[in-house]
Amino acid sequence: MTPETPITQDVMTLPRKLPDGPVNLIGLTRDELREALLQAGTPEKQAKMRTNQIWQWLYQKGVRQFDEMTNLAKDYRTLLAEHFVIALPEVVSRHVSEDGTRKYLVRIAGDHEVEVVYIPEEGRGTLCVSSQVGCTLTCSFCHTGTQKLVRNLTAGEIVGQVMLARDDLGEWPKPGHQPNEQTRLLSNIVLMGMGEPLYNFDNVRDAMRIVMDPEGICLGRRRITLSTSGVVPEIARTAEEIGCLLAVSFHATTDEVRDKLVPINKRWNIEELLAALKTYPKISNSERITFEYVMLKGVNDSDEDAHRLVKLIKGIPAKINLIPFNEWPGAPYQRSDWKRIKAFADIIYRAGYASPIRTPRGEDIMAACGQLKSATERERKSRKTIEAEAGLT
């Protein structure tokens, strides 16, 4: 790969405007929204004010109809309706786990589907957002990685996941109330759903800037965590252009093992990844980096692995999230025994690092970490398997 080769445009992203169709306002940056309003006939002198007004209606109040934008003149609302739409991904199904976790299957343009997960906790609620249809990384322990990559999500499709979750939670400000007066049910976002966010950098950045905007959804950058498997050239850009917290799907302490678990390691190995991570907290002013480490029985869970991990991350402000493997049909691995996970965590803790063991959430609805895969893709796979076994292919 030459230095000039772009790495975030590996797959197609749909345009924000369909041929001869209205422009969807959801996902446009402030500058793009202003330009779109100008092209639709908004006077230059009014463009900034109109941009701010519409922005607040969309992202602060969750309004979906132009007629409800009551501080705009009626004829201007008619003009908006002629040129624009306010469209979110369609919720196809909604499942609620015994532990309260909610999983949404949502349909986007092209009849593609992605999954979104909301995890309620004491005093907070975290939304796990997808950035691609499928995934290109083929991590061997991850169910999502067995689904073929189709395309990047647009900024509108990414921020739309946040908005539809707020719809379901009833979290938009009630009439007469100011934003943030109510307890936030959706208080945190993790870009840990389907796809590698840093292979869709521009759309992820624009969507998160909308989420962080103080006159909109207004979530601070420390409430957003982007998880990457290690797209090294984009890590510094993430710090400079988004500034959110960073999590890294690490999962192994030697290149030999990581090459198998996280194949992107063959492109940027552990040494290169760690070198990029050492500068991230300084650039972004983030507190510390989270190292995600899935516990696989007999693969990466030995005491030796724990000691190597501590040595590798020396000098990086960090915590280590230990993730008991969430099994899925046909998975080639098993979850480490609880005693083994605890011993691993104790070694890391004694070295001075926080080492929380993640409690599996939503396993009964296949919503846990590494289990996301659209229902139609699961159905399609099973159908192919049946046909092959019957000698029909």
Protein backbone atom coordinates (compact mmCIF):
# COMPACT_ATOMS: atom_id res chain seq x y z
CA MET A 1 0.00 0.00 0.00
CA THR A 2 1.46 3.34 -1.04
CA PRO A 3 1.19 6.38 1.26
CA GLU A 4 -1.26 7.96 -1.22
CA THR A 5 -3.66 5.03 -1.17
CA PRO A 6 -6.85 5.91 0.75
CA ILE A 7 -7.78 3.28 3.30
CA THR A 8 -11.23 4.49 4.27
CA GLN A 9 -12.86 4.06 0.88
CA ASP A 10 -12.43 0.31 0.49
CA VAL A 11 -16.17 -0.20 -0.03
CA MET A 12 -19.01 1.78 -1.50
CA THR A 13 -20.90 4.38 0.47
CA LEU A 14 -24.29 5.42 -0.86
CA PRO A 15 -24.70 9.10 -1.78
CA ARG A 16 -26.85 11.20 0.51
CA LYS A 17 -29.11 12.10 -2.40
CA LEU A 18 -30.89 9.52 -4.52
CA PRO A 19 -31.21 10.31 -8.25
CA ASP A 20 -33.77 13.10 -8.79
CA GLY A 21 -34.93 12.70 -5.20
CA PRO A 22 -35.07 14.98 -2.17
CA VAL A 23 -32.07 15.37 0.10
CA ASN A 24 -32.21 13.68 3.49
CA LEU A 25 -31.27 16.29 6.10
CA ILE A 26 -30.22 13.66 8.65
CA GLY A 27 -26.46 13.26 8.58
CA LEU A 28 -25.59 16.52 6.84
CA THR A 29 -22.90 18.52 8.61
CA ARG A 30 -23.71 22.11 9.53
CA ASP A 31 -21.83 23.38 6.48
CA GLU A 32 -23.58 20.85 4.21
CA LEU A 33 -26.97 21.78 5.66
CA ARG A 34 -26.32 25.48 5.07
CA GLU A 35 -25.26 24.83 1.47
CA ALA A 36 -28.30 22.65 0.83
CA LEU A 37 -30.61 25.37 2.16
CA LEU A 38 -28.96 27.95 -0.08
CA GLN A 39 -29.41 25.75 -3.14
CA ALA A 40 -33.07 25.29 -2.24
CA GLY A 41 -33.62 29.06 -2.31
CA THR A 42 -32.89 30.24 1.23
CA PRO A 43 -31.63 33.87 1.12
CA GLU A 44 -27.95 34.22 1.95
CA LYS A 45 -28.66 36.55 4.87
CA GLN A 46 -30.98 33.97 6.47
CA ALA A 47 -28.87 30.86 5.85
CA LYS A 48 -27.00 30.78 9.15
CA MET A 49 -30.13 31.42 11.23
CA ARG A 50 -32.18 28.84 9.30
CA THR A 51 -29.40 26.28 9.65
CA ASN A 52 -29.35 26.73 13.43
CA GLN A 53 -33.13 26.58 13.70
CA ILE A 54 -33.48 23.40 11.63
CA TRP A 55 -30.50 21.79 13.37
CA GLN A 56 -32.16 22.28 16.76
CA TRP A 57 -35.49 20.91 15.54
CA LEU A 58 -33.80 17.79 14.16
CA TYR A 59 -31.26 16.93 16.83
CA GLN A 60 -32.40 18.74 19.96
CA LYS A 61 -36.14 18.09 19.74
CA GLY A 62 -36.34 15.08 17.45
CA VAL A 63 -38.93 16.59 15.13
CA ARG A 64 -39.64 14.64 11.92
CA GLN A 65 -42.19 16.85 10.16
CA PHE A 66 -41.47 20.29 8.73
CA ASP A 67 -44.95 21.46 9.76
CA GLU A 68 -43.88 21.07 13.39
CA MET A 69 -41.02 23.57 13.02
CA THR A 70 -43.19 26.35 14.35
CA ASN A 71 -40.60 29.15 14.44
CA LEU A 72 -40.31 28.93 10.63
CA ALA A 73 -42.74 30.75 8.33
CA LYS A 74 -45.38 28.55 6.74
CA ASP A 75 -44.20 29.21 3.18
CA TYR A 76 -40.63 28.37 4.17
CA ARG A 77 -41.79 25.09 5.69
CA THR A 78 -43.48 24.33 2.37
CA LEU A 79 -40.23 25.05 0.54
CA LEU A 80 -38.37 22.66 2.85
CA ALA A 81 -40.91 19.91 2.27
CA GLU A 82 -40.48 20.30 -1.49
CA HIS A 83 -36.70 19.84 -1.39
CA PHE A 84 -35.90 17.71 1.64
CA VAL A 85 -36.89 14.70 3.73
CA ILE A 86 -36.18 13.71 7.32
CA ALA A 87 -35.56 9.97 7.17
CA LEU A 88 -34.13 7.44 9.62
CA PRO A 89 -33.30 3.77 9.16
CA GLU A 90 -36.38 1.56 9.47
CA VAL A 91 -36.74 -0.63 12.56
CA VAL A 92 -37.51 -4.13 11.26
CA SER A 93 -37.56 -5.89 14.61
CA ARG A 94 -36.95 -5.17 18.27
CA HIS A 95 -35.97 -7.78 20.85
CA VAL A 96 -35.64 -7.24 24.58
CA SER A 97 -33.38 -9.50 26.65
CA GLU A 98 -34.17 -10.78 30.13
CA ASP A 99 -31.54 -8.33 31.42
CA GLY A 100 -33.19 -5.35 29.68
CA THR A 101 -30.81 -5.19 26.71
CA ARG A 102 -32.59 -4.10 23.53
CA LYS A 103 -31.52 -5.23 20.06
CA TYR A 104 -32.83 -3.50 16.97
CA LEU A 105 -32.59 -4.90 13.47
CA VAL A 106 -32.74 -1.86 11.20
CA ARG A 107 -33.07 -1.62 7.43
CA ILE A 108 -31.15 0.97 5.45
CA ALA A 109 -31.06 1.96 1.77
CA GLY A 110 -30.64 -0.97 -0.59
CA ASP A 111 -32.65 -3.26 1.72
CA HIS A 112 -29.51 -3.97 3.77
CA GLU A 113 -29.75 -4.58 7.50
CA VAL A 114 -27.58 -3.83 10.50
CA GLU A 115 -28.01 -4.41 14.22
CA VAL A 116 -27.99 -1.85 17.02
CA VAL A 117 -27.89 -2.70 20.73
CA TYR A 118 -28.93 -0.64 23.76
CA ILE A 119 -27.53 -1.75 27.13
CA PRO A 120 -29.13 -0.26 30.26
CA GLU A 121 -27.02 -0.01 33.39
CA GLU A 122 -27.33 1.66 36.78
CA GLY A 123 -27.27 5.41 36.13
CA ARG A 124 -26.42 5.14 32.45
CA GLY A 125 -27.33 3.55 29.14
CA THR A 126 -24.97 2.62 26.33
CA LEU A 127 -25.84 2.31 22.64
CA CYS A 128 -23.69 0.03 20.49
CA VAL A 129 -23.72 1.48 16.96
CA SER A 130 -22.80 -0.14 13.64
CA SER A 131 -20.69 1.60 10.98
CA GLN A 132 -20.72 -0.91 8.11
CA VAL A 133 -23.00 -3.54 6.63
CA GLY A 134 -21.06 -6.66 7.54
CA CYS A 135 -17.33 -6.49 8.19
CA THR A 136 -14.12 -6.89 6.23
CA LEU A 137 -11.87 -7.96 9.11
CA THR A 138 -12.81 -11.68 9.43
CA CYS A 139 -11.76 -11.89 13.10
CA SER A 140 -12.06 -15.61 13.76
CA PHE A 141 -13.86 -15.30 17.13
CA CYS A 142 -16.46 -12.79 15.93
CA HIS A 143 -19.83 -13.78 14.44
CA THR A 144 -20.13 -10.45 12.61
CA GLY A 145 -16.83 -11.19 10.88
CA THR A 146 -18.39 -14.20 9.15
CA GLN A 147 -20.80 -11.90 7.29
CA LYS A 148 -19.60 -10.52 3.96
CA LEU A 149 -18.85 -6.81 3.87
CA VAL A 150 -21.37 -4.98 1.68
CA ARG A 151 -20.83 -1.24 2.12
CA ASN A 152 -20.14 1.64 4.47
CA LEU A 153 -23.00 3.34 6.27
CA THR A 154 -23.61 7.02 5.56
CA ALA A 155 -23.34 9.60 8.32
CA GLY A 156 -27.14 9.78 8.29
CA GLU A 157 -27.47 6.04 8.76
CA ILE A 158 -25.03 6.15 11.68
CA VAL A 159 -26.56 9.08 13.55
CA GLY A 160 -29.98 7.70 12.62
CA GLN A 161 -29.29 4.69 14.86
CA VAL A 162 -28.88 7.04 17.80
CA MET A 163 -32.08 8.88 16.93
CA LEU A 164 -34.23 5.77 16.54
CA ALA A 165 -32.98 4.46 19.88
CA ARG A 166 -33.97 7.76 21.50
CA ASP A 167 -37.37 7.36 19.84
CA ASP A 168 -37.81 3.94 21.41
CA LEU A 169 -36.64 5.19 24.81
CA GLY A 170 -38.94 8.22 24.66
CA GLU A 171 -35.97 10.45 25.35
CA TRP A 172 -36.61 13.55 23.25
CA PRO A 173 -37.40 16.59 25.42
CA LYS A 174 -41.06 16.89 26.28
CA PRO A 175 -42.86 20.10 25.24
CA GLY A 176 -41.97 22.92 27.60
CA HIS A 177 -38.77 21.25 28.80
CA GLN A 178 -35.21 22.13 27.88
CA PRO A 179 -32.76 19.48 26.65
CA ASN A 180 -30.75 17.78 29.41
CA GLU A 181 -33.38 18.56 32.04
CA GLN A 182 -34.35 14.90 32.02
CA THR A 183 -32.19 11.95 33.04
CA ARG A 184 -30.34 10.63 30.00
CA LEU A 185 -31.32 7.05 29.29
CA LEU A 186 -28.92 7.00 26.32
CA SER A 187 -25.86 8.52 27.93
CA ASN A 188 -23.01 6.77 26.11
CA ILE A 189 -22.22 5.55 22.60
CA VAL A 190 -19.78 2.84 21.62
CA LEU A 191 -18.84 2.29 17.99
CA MET A 192 -18.53 -1.44 18.54
CA GLY A 193 -21.35 -2.76 16.37
CA MET A 194 -21.04 -4.22 12.90
CA GLY A 195 -17.99 -3.08 10.95
CA GLU A 196 -14.63 -1.39 11.48
CA PRO A 197 -15.30 2.33 12.14
CA LEU A 198 -11.90 3.46 10.88
CA TYR A 199 -12.56 1.93 7.46
CA ASN A 200 -15.46 4.40 7.24
CA PHE A 201 -13.74 7.33 8.88
CA ASP A 202 -15.36 10.35 7.24
CA ASN A 203 -18.94 9.20 7.84
CA VAL A 204 -18.19 8.12 11.41
CA ARG A 205 -16.52 11.46 12.13
CA ASP A 206 -19.42 13.50 10.71
CA ALA A 207 -22.00 11.44 12.58
CA MET A 208 -20.16 11.77 15.90
CA ARG A 209 -19.76 15.51 15.43
CA ILE A 210 -23.54 15.74 15.08
CA VAL A 211 -23.96 13.64 18.23
CA MET A 212 -21.51 15.84 20.15
CA ASP A 213 -22.91 19.16 18.95
CA PRO A 214 -24.02 21.20 22.01
CA GLU A 215 -27.12 22.46 20.17
CA GLY A 216 -28.19 18.96 19.23
CA ILE A 217 -27.96 15.54 20.86
CA CYS A 218 -25.18 16.97 23.01
CA LEU A 219 -23.17 13.97 24.17
CA GLY A 220 -19.64 14.90 25.28
CA ARG A 221 -16.68 13.29 23.54
CA ARG A 222 -15.80 11.36 26.70
CA ARG A 223 -19.16 9.63 26.42
CA ILE A 224 -18.24 8.23 23.00
CA THR A 225 -15.88 5.30 22.54
CA LEU A 226 -14.63 4.20 19.15
CA SER A 227 -13.40 0.63 18.92
CA THR A 228 -10.86 -0.32 16.26
CA SER A 229 -9.09 -3.54 15.46
CA GLY A 230 -5.99 -1.53 14.66
CA VAL A 231 -6.20 0.62 11.53
CA VAL A 232 -2.96 2.33 12.48
CA PRO A 233 -2.86 5.21 9.93
CA GLU A 234 -6.28 6.49 11.08
CA ILE A 235 -5.64 6.44 14.83
CA ALA A 236 -4.00 9.88 14.90
CA ARG A 237 -6.82 11.28 12.72
CA THR A 238 -9.34 9.95 15.23
CA ALA A 239 -7.62 11.86 18.01
CA GLU A 240 -7.43 15.08 16.02
CA GLU A 241 -10.80 15.09 14.23
CA ILE A 242 -13.09 13.30 16.71
CA GLY A 243 -11.26 13.29 20.04
CA CYS A 244 -13.39 10.55 21.57
CA LEU A 245 -12.21 7.75 23.81
CA LEU A 246 -10.48 4.87 22.05
CA ALA A 247 -10.80 1.13 22.52
CA VAL A 248 -8.64 -1.41 20.74
CA SER A 249 -9.59 -5.00 19.95
CA PHE A 250 -6.28 -6.43 21.09
CA HIS A 251 -6.99 -10.06 22.08
CA ALA A 252 -3.46 -11.51 21.86
CA THR A 253 0.05 -10.87 23.09
CA THR A 254 2.06 -12.30 20.19
CA ASP A 255 1.86 -11.59 16.49
CA GLU A 256 1.53 -15.31 15.79
CA VAL A 257 -1.72 -15.57 17.77
CA ARG A 258 -3.07 -12.14 16.82
CA ASP A 259 -2.55 -12.88 13.12
CA LYS A 260 -5.09 -15.69 13.52
CA LEU A 261 -7.56 -13.92 15.81
CA VAL A 262 -7.38 -10.44 14.25
CA PRO A 263 -6.03 -10.79 10.69
CA ILE A 264 -5.54 -7.03 10.29
CA ASN A 265 -2.47 -7.64 12.46
CA LYS A 266 -0.74 -8.95 9.33
CA ARG A 267 -1.01 -5.42 7.90
CA TRP A 268 -0.16 -3.49 11.06
CA ASN A 269 1.44 -5.67 13.72
CA ILE A 270 1.45 -5.28 17.49
CA GLU A 271 4.57 -3.12 17.54
CA GLU A 272 3.16 -0.66 14.99
CA LEU A 273 -0.21 -0.56 16.75
CA LEU A 274 1.28 0.15 20.17
CA ALA A 275 3.49 2.90 18.75
CA ALA A 276 0.38 4.68 17.44
CA LEU A 277 -1.49 4.19 20.71
CA LYS A 278 1.26 5.73 22.83
CA THR A 279 0.61 9.17 21.34
CA TYR A 280 -3.19 8.98 21.27
CA PRO A 281 -4.02 10.13 24.83
CA LYS A 282 -1.75 13.18 24.43
CA ILE A 283 -3.23 14.24 21.10
CA SER A 284 -6.89 13.76 22.03
CA ASN A 285 -6.60 14.61 25.74
CA SER A 286 -8.39 11.35 26.43
CA GLU A 287 -8.00 9.75 29.82
CA ARG A 288 -6.80 6.31 28.83
CA ILE A 289 -7.11 3.67 26.15
CA THR A 290 -9.23 0.58 26.67
CA PHE A 291 -7.69 -2.69 25.55
CA GLU A 292 -10.41 -5.21 24.73
CA TYR A 293 -9.32 -8.78 25.33
CA VAL A 294 -11.66 -11.68 24.60
CA MET A 295 -10.94 -14.70 26.78
CA LEU A 296 -10.57 -17.84 24.66
CA LYS A 297 -9.97 -21.15 26.39
CA GLY A 298 -6.48 -22.46 25.78
CA VAL A 299 -5.71 -19.79 23.16
CA ASN A 300 -4.81 -16.51 24.85
CA ASP A 301 -5.68 -16.94 28.53
CA SER A 302 -2.50 -18.20 30.19
CA ASP A 303 -0.57 -16.49 32.98
CA GLU A 304 2.22 -15.96 30.46
CA ASP A 305 -0.19 -14.06 28.22
CA ALA A 306 -1.21 -11.85 31.13
CA HIS A 307 2.39 -11.02 32.01
CA ARG A 308 3.22 -10.29 28.35
CA LEU A 309 0.20 -8.02 28.07
CA VAL A 310 1.34 -5.95 31.04
CA LYS A 311 4.80 -5.53 29.49
CA LEU A 312 3.41 -4.60 26.08
CA ILE A 313 1.19 -1.77 27.30
CA LYS A 314 3.77 -0.26 29.65
CA GLY A 315 3.81 3.52 29.22
CA ILE A 316 0.25 3.72 27.82
CA PRO A 317 -2.51 5.05 30.11
CA ALA A 318 -4.82 2.07 29.88
CA LYS A 319 -7.39 -0.27 31.28
CA ILE A 320 -7.99 -3.81 30.11
CA ASN A 321 -11.53 -5.02 29.49
CA LEU A 322 -11.61 -8.79 29.79
CA ILE A 323 -14.47 -10.19 27.71
CA PRO A 324 -15.69 -13.74 28.34
CA PHE A 325 -16.14 -15.18 24.85
CA ASN A 326 -19.75 -14.97 23.71
CA GLU A 327 -20.39 -18.21 21.87
CA TRP A 328 -22.41 -18.43 18.66
CA PRO A 329 -23.50 -21.38 16.50
CA GLY A 330 -20.45 -22.97 14.87
CA ALA A 331 -17.94 -20.89 16.82
CA PRO A 332 -14.42 -22.41 16.73
CA TYR A 333 -13.60 -21.35 20.31
CA GLN A 334 -14.82 -21.83 23.86
CA ARG A 335 -15.09 -19.36 26.71
CA SER A 336 -12.27 -19.50 29.24
CA ASP A 337 -13.21 -20.94 32.62
CA TRP A 338 -14.20 -18.38 35.22
CA LYS A 339 -11.29 -19.38 37.46
CA ARG A 340 -8.85 -18.81 34.59
CA ILE A 341 -10.35 -15.42 33.75
CA LYS A 342 -10.10 -14.35 37.38
CA ALA A 343 -6.45 -15.42 37.61
CA PHE A 344 -5.68 -13.48 34.42
CA ALA A 345 -7.41 -10.39 35.81
CA ASP A 346 -5.53 -10.63 39.10
CA ILE A 347 -2.15 -10.53 37.33
CA ILE A 348 -3.14 -7.39 35.45
CA TYR A 349 -4.61 -5.77 38.56
CA ARG A 350 -1.46 -6.42 40.58
CA ALA A 351 0.53 -4.69 37.82
CA GLY A 352 -1.49 -1.54 38.44
CA TYR A 353 -4.10 -1.69 35.69
CA ALA A 354 -7.86 -1.79 36.00
CA SER A 355 -9.03 -5.14 34.65
CA PRO A 356 -12.84 -5.31 34.78
CA ILE A 357 -14.44 -8.51 33.55
CA ARG A 358 -17.30 -7.59 31.27
CA THR A 359 -20.62 -9.10 32.25
CA PRO A 360 -22.16 -10.71 29.16
CA ARG A 361 -25.37 -8.87 28.22
CA GLY A 362 -28.14 -9.88 25.85
CA GLU A 363 -26.80 -13.37 25.11
CA ASP A 364 -30.32 -14.79 24.95
CA ILE A 365 -31.11 -12.52 21.97
CA MET A 366 -27.65 -12.79 20.32
CA ALA A 367 -26.89 -9.17 21.23
CA ALA A 368 -23.65 -9.71 23.14
CA CYS A 369 -20.22 -8.55 22.00
CA GLY A 370 -19.14 -10.41 18.86
CA GLN A 371 -22.59 -11.91 18.22
CA LEU A 372 -24.10 -9.24 15.96
CA LYS A 373 -25.17 -10.46 12.56
CA SER A 374 -28.31 -9.52 10.69
CA ALA A 375 -31.19 -11.98 10.89
CA THR A 376 -31.57 -12.21 7.11
CA GLU A 377 -27.87 -13.02 6.72
CA ARG A 378 -28.18 -15.79 9.32
CA GLU A 379 -31.21 -17.11 7.46
CA ARG A 380 -29.41 -16.89 4.12
CA LYS A 381 -26.41 -18.78 5.46
CA SER A 382 -28.53 -21.55 6.92
CA ARG A 383 -30.45 -21.86 3.69
CA LYS A 384 -27.21 -22.30 1.71
CA THR A 385 -26.02 -24.91 4.17
CA ILE A 386 -29.26 -26.86 3.81
CA GLU A 387 -29.07 -26.72 0.02
CA ALA A 388 -25.46 -27.88 0.03
CA GLU A 389 -26.21 -30.80 2.32
CA ALA A 390 -29.10 -31.81 0.09
CA GLY A 391 -26.87 -31.71 -2.99
CA LEU A 392 -28.79 -28.83 -4.54
CA THR A 393 -25.75 -26.61 -5.10
